[in-house]
Amino acid sequence: MLDSQTFPLFLAAALLVALTPGPGIFYVAARTLAGGRSEGLASSFGTGVGGFVHVIAATVGVSAVVMASAEAFTVLKIAGAVYLIWLGIKRMSGAVMFGLGASLLIARRDS
């Protein structure tokens, strides 16, 4: 339990950590610079929703269940890996289609 002497130190440290920019801020800034205001707002909304999901999961006790059960942790890791693989395949197939479309567009302009 925090007493009256350690609480101000804790509060100062928590404030410093809260004010320090993290990877989410850099992600939103990069998306805003690359795609404009609408992409920046969408990225900001996405990081906010992600944080909210983490808060809800912690409130419900998902972290405690995962830490208590090795099987649940393994299932969560496998599900995360499958999701990341799916995102990678989706991204690579989109990049290939975009590259093909761009070359077809250039070929049509030349003819």
Protein backbone atom coordinates (compact mmCIF):
# COMPACT_ATOMS: atom_id res chain seq x y z
CA MET A 1 0.00 0.00 0.00
CA LEU A 2 1.24 3.48 -0.82
CA ASP A 3 1.77 5.84 2.07
CA SER A 4 1.84 9.63 2.01
CA GLN A 5 5.59 9.74 1.31
CA THR A 6 5.75 7.31 -1.61
CA PHE A 7 2.53 8.34 -3.33
CA PRO A 8 3.92 11.66 -4.70
CA LEU A 9 6.95 9.80 -6.07
CA PHE A 10 4.70 7.23 -7.69
CA LEU A 11 2.49 9.98 -9.12
CA ALA A 12 5.50 11.83 -10.57
CA ALA A 13 6.88 8.65 -12.15
CA ALA A 14 3.47 7.72 -13.57
CA LEU A 15 3.04 11.21 -15.02
CA LEU A 16 6.48 11.06 -16.62
CA VAL A 17 5.71 7.69 -18.20
CA ALA A 18 2.30 8.92 -19.39
CA LEU A 19 3.80 12.01 -21.04
CA THR A 20 6.65 10.16 -22.75
CA PRO A 21 5.81 9.48 -26.39
CA GLY A 22 5.71 5.83 -27.27
CA PRO A 23 5.51 3.86 -30.50
CA GLY A 24 1.81 4.65 -30.89
CA ILE A 25 2.50 8.37 -31.12
CA PHE A 26 5.22 7.82 -33.70
CA TYR A 27 2.91 5.52 -35.68
CA VAL A 28 0.12 8.11 -35.73
CA ALA A 29 2.56 10.88 -36.69
CA ALA A 30 4.00 8.80 -39.53
CA ARG A 31 0.55 7.88 -40.87
CA THR A 32 -0.55 11.52 -40.65
CA LEU A 33 2.51 12.72 -42.57
CA ALA A 34 2.16 9.96 -45.18
CA GLY A 35 -1.58 10.00 -45.70
CA GLY A 36 -2.97 13.23 -44.35
CA ARG A 37 -5.42 14.09 -41.63
CA SER A 38 -7.93 11.32 -42.32
CA GLU A 39 -5.31 8.56 -42.04
CA GLY A 40 -3.91 10.18 -38.91
CA LEU A 41 -7.34 10.28 -37.29
CA ALA A 42 -8.03 6.68 -38.28
CA SER A 43 -4.67 5.58 -36.85
CA SER A 44 -5.30 7.52 -33.66
CA PHE A 45 -8.74 5.95 -33.31
CA GLY A 46 -7.26 2.49 -33.90
CA THR A 47 -4.59 2.88 -31.24
CA GLY A 48 -7.21 4.21 -28.82
CA VAL A 49 -9.51 1.25 -29.45
CA GLY A 50 -6.56 -1.13 -29.01
CA GLY A 51 -5.74 0.44 -25.66
CA PHE A 52 -9.38 0.22 -24.62
CA VAL A 53 -9.47 -3.49 -25.50
CA HIS A 54 -6.41 -4.04 -23.30
CA VAL A 55 -8.04 -2.19 -20.40
CA ILE A 56 -11.24 -4.22 -20.74
CA ALA A 57 -9.27 -7.49 -20.94
CA ALA A 58 -7.34 -6.57 -17.80
CA THR A 59 -10.54 -5.58 -16.02
CA VAL A 60 -12.26 -8.84 -16.88
CA GLY A 61 -9.22 -10.79 -15.72
CA VAL A 62 -7.99 -12.28 -18.98
CA SER A 63 -4.39 -11.60 -17.94
CA ALA A 64 -4.82 -13.56 -14.72
CA VAL A 65 -6.40 -16.51 -16.54
CA VAL A 66 -3.65 -16.57 -19.17
CA MET A 67 -0.91 -16.35 -16.53
CA ALA A 68 -2.50 -19.14 -14.48
CA SER A 69 -3.00 -21.53 -17.40
CA ALA A 70 -0.10 -22.57 -19.60
CA GLU A 71 -2.55 -24.05 -22.12
CA ALA A 72 -4.48 -20.78 -22.42
CA PHE A 73 -1.21 -18.90 -22.93
CA THR A 74 -0.14 -21.35 -25.65
CA VAL A 75 -3.51 -21.02 -27.41
CA LEU A 76 -3.23 -17.23 -27.24
CA LYS A 77 0.30 -17.31 -28.69
CA ILE A 78 -0.76 -19.61 -31.54
CA ALA A 79 -3.81 -17.46 -32.31
CA GLY A 80 -1.61 -14.37 -32.38
CA ALA A 81 0.90 -16.04 -34.69
CA VAL A 82 -1.85 -17.18 -37.07
CA TYR A 83 -3.28 -13.65 -37.11
CA LEU A 84 0.12 -12.12 -37.87
CA ILE A 85 0.72 -14.64 -40.67
CA TRP A 86 -2.71 -13.82 -42.11
CA LEU A 87 -1.94 -10.09 -41.98
CA GLY A 88 1.40 -10.68 -43.70
CA ILE A 89 -0.15 -12.73 -46.48
CA LYS A 90 -2.89 -10.15 -46.93
CA ARG A 91 -0.33 -7.35 -47.06
CA MET A 92 1.95 -9.16 -49.52
CA SER A 93 -0.89 -10.12 -51.83
CA GLY A 94 -2.15 -6.54 -51.77
CA ALA A 95 1.32 -5.22 -52.59
CA VAL A 96 1.65 -7.65 -55.49
CA MET A 97 -1.75 -6.70 -56.87
CA PHE A 98 -0.95 -2.99 -56.46
CA GLY A 99 2.38 -3.42 -58.22
CA LEU A 100 0.73 -5.33 -61.07
CA GLY A 101 -1.99 -2.70 -61.39
CA ALA A 102 0.55 0.11 -61.46
CA SER A 103 2.57 -1.58 -64.21
CA LEU A 104 -0.60 -2.19 -66.24
CA LEU A 105 -1.56 1.46 -65.78
CA ILE A 106 1.86 2.58 -67.02
CA ALA A 107 1.64 0.17 -69.97
CA ARG A 108 -1.77 1.58 -70.93
CA ARG A 109 -0.49 5.16 -70.83
CA ASP A 110 2.41 4.28 -73.13
CA SER A 111 0.25 2.66 -75.80
